[in-house]
Amino acid sequence: MLPHRCEVMKPKAAIIGLDGVPIHLLEDLAQRGVMPHTKELIKQGNLMKMRSSLPANSAASWSSMITGTNPGTHGVYGFTDFIPGTYTVSFHNSHKLKAPPFWSTAPEKRVLIINLPAAYPAQPLNGAMITGFVSPQLEKAVYPPDLYPRLRDGGYEVDVDASLFNKSVSLFLQKLEETLDRRTRVLDHLLEKDGYDLLFFVVTGTDRIEHHLWDAYADGTHDQHPEFLGFFKKVDDAIAHVTSKLDPDAPLMMLSDHGMGPIETAVNLNTLLREEGCLVTGDTPRKNFNNIREETQAFASESSKIYLNHVDRFPRGSVKPEDTQKIQGELVDLLSGLRYNGRKVVKAIHMKQDIFRGPETGNAPDLVVTPENGFSFKTGLFKESLYEEDFLSGAHTEDDAFLYLRGWSQDDRLPGHPCIEDSIHIFKKVLGE
């Protein structure tokens, strides 16, 4: 374990990210006394609902937050995307970010970043960075490089192995707490070494526990209900620990990248498209999307993204530009009419021309689909069942993330319902920039 020390150099301002935390959960746990430090912070500042990115995944959302731009500008639509001109999926990395993150636009300011998702590999900056999930190698997740040996020797882990949940729920929860504790200890060490203008600290265990144990939060009689609340008490302690490093009136922003809600039923979008004749594939699973045949009009990827099989985008594309709007409209009708046991499945269908703007819009999915409460989307190409039980109990939501500000001038008008890409611009106003 990395030792605590008492003296730290105080950052001038801080951002705390709570991955996947919806505003109603934060308010509920604060009011119930599970998160007393957060409750006090809420009294000191302004808490508001915030919209996530579309799609509402951490890669797109955190990229929108750090650049202050739409995915059509920063070019990140998820943790995976298609290599141009192919059906081959590649994973996101920080080199693919097409818009500058906020710290690079003010290089004179020293920034400490701990556990930022979708930022791997760590890039040089004026300060220090440890990237969050997905980071395959800790060594490349760290800048400057000389920080790596200390993290390695201290047992620092980028993420908790989610498969632990299926082996032992108690071990999974223990690892979540240990990982969070190590992050705060690393924070102490780095603040002792140097001074920073801004601290950016992200908690991702919140997303992990909500995905696996949302039902334990919702059901007070659930066996793991006390453990769920106990972890959020640890999160509250971490928030108190981070904010203790600041002066009491220092500017502070807290936010989540998306919300979370319950899952009862998983819906496979590619199964639906195949049943309706929109998707035609070969039968070689290892080839994944390279199974797609020319007869295909549309296919889904990474839960909520639907792509048309464009002639000028994919090697066996068949959708011509003049047919795009017609096929989009047909898909909207298909998805809007989907019912399960009489319940509407799809909450909203967004066409790319309506939600994306910027030079990277050409690489965007043609449709982004969001589920109604209680449903989640899957995109397995070879799944036979349209509906099935989800192995998770919590799914991302796009309209109930939160934004908290301390230091907002009472003379300024607060934003109504901001989007995550607005958050860094709003915080810069708090900082007087």
Foldseek 3Di string as FASTA:
>chain_A
DQDFDDDFAFALEEEEEEAAAFPVVLVVLCVVVLQVLSVVQCVQFPKDFAFFAVVLDQQQLLLLQQQLAHCQAQVDRYQWADDWAALDIDGAEQVSGRGDGPQVVVQVFEEEEEAAERHPQPDDGRYKFAYAPPYPDRQRRIPPNVCSVVCVVVVADRDQDLVVCVVPVVVSLVVLLVNLVVRLSVVSVRRRVDYGNYYYHYRHVSVSCCFACVVLCVDVVDPCVVSNSNVVSSVSVSVVSSCVSHDPQRKYKYWYNFHKAFAFKEFEPLLLCVVVQQWDFDDDPVCFSNRTALSHQWADDDFFFIAGQEVNTYVSRNQYPVCLVVVLVVVCVSQQPDDDPNHRWWDDKDALVRRHDHNSSVRGGGIGTDTDGHYTYDGGNPDNDRMDGDSTTMDTHGGGMMMIIRQDDPVDDDDDHHYSSCRVVSSVVSVVD
